[in-house]
Amino acid sequence: MANAREIQDRIRSINDTKKITSAMYMISSSKLKKAKKALANTEPYFFTLQSTIARILNHTESENIKQKYFEEGLTKPESEHKKGYIVVTADKGLAGAYNHNVIKIAQEQLEQYPNNKLYVVGQVGMHYFENRSIDIDHKFKYSMQNPTMNRSRNIAETVLDAYSKNQLDEVYIIYTKMINSMASEAEMLKLLPLKKGDFREEKLLKSEEQGIVFDFIPSADVVFETIVPNWISGLVYGALVEAYCSEQNSRMMAMQSSTDSANEMLRELGIVYNRVRQAAITQEITEVISGAKAQKKKKMNREEESSL
């Protein structure tokens, strides 16, 4: 069993670690609130874009829309599709399985569809693929600590350019979606091509406009050329912010778990320390008593010798 000094040193070390994990929990909590607010502020704009696309599709003869952004233009089999994957990871660890879950999905997709292009956001993902000699077509060297609309547009423009040049047939973003304050899940969202059916929901359309056909000048296709890139940028931004929120939430849970473990270790070490201290005190008392008995016996022996 360790002595009292060693146990005290360990208790002091755990207390120092506990202070760090508690501070990281508070920092992540603050960042999470800020990111949620930023996402909520932009949601009305992108919902309006979604509604606008739905209205254009609803008020235009669908067969007259020959837009490259919609999946009806793909004719070759899926096995021949060139797929692009935007992989969103964090810049650092200490967030539980957050990075692992995203990378696992990306790894499975890359192995299943070798005809692909890889776009990576976040230092953890870059280091992972580089260390395994997996080609990265574009590294977005942005800090994931500050997702912005400008960065989302840059990411969207990069993949849209490759899509427009027929270098890609499909584009996906792999990120972590925040389900609620306690749970998040890594998922793969398809960005391109769009499905017209996804914009046919009743909530996206105004009832008084049902069945009316509008004319768009110069054409609906030209309108889509402006709206769809903005819509894709919005999806990317939403994914970045959700990933950032999920990262902070995962880190909060990891730090809370670490703090709880530290408290449990301190409780157990406190018991061990008290036992060691009690044993030391008991030993000291025993030694004092033994010494006193020895002195008493020695004194008695001297008295007997003197009486003789």
Foldseek 3Di string as FASTA:
>chain_A
DDFLVVLVVVLVVLVVVLVVLVVLLVVLVVLLVVLVVVLVVCVVVLLLLLLVLLLQCQQADVVVDPALLALVPDDDDPLPFEEEEEQEDAQDDLQPCFRVQRVVVVVVVCVVRVNYAYEYEYNVVVVVCVVVVHDHNYYDDDHLSDQDLVSLLVVLVVVVVCSVVVSGQWYKYWAWADPDLQDIHIDIGTLGRDYSVVSNDPVSDDPVCGPHHDADVVHVNVVCVPSSSVSSSSVSSSRSSRRSSSSSSSSSVSSVVSSVVSVVVSVVSVVVSVVSVVVVVVVVVVVVVVVVVVVVVVVVVVVVVVVD
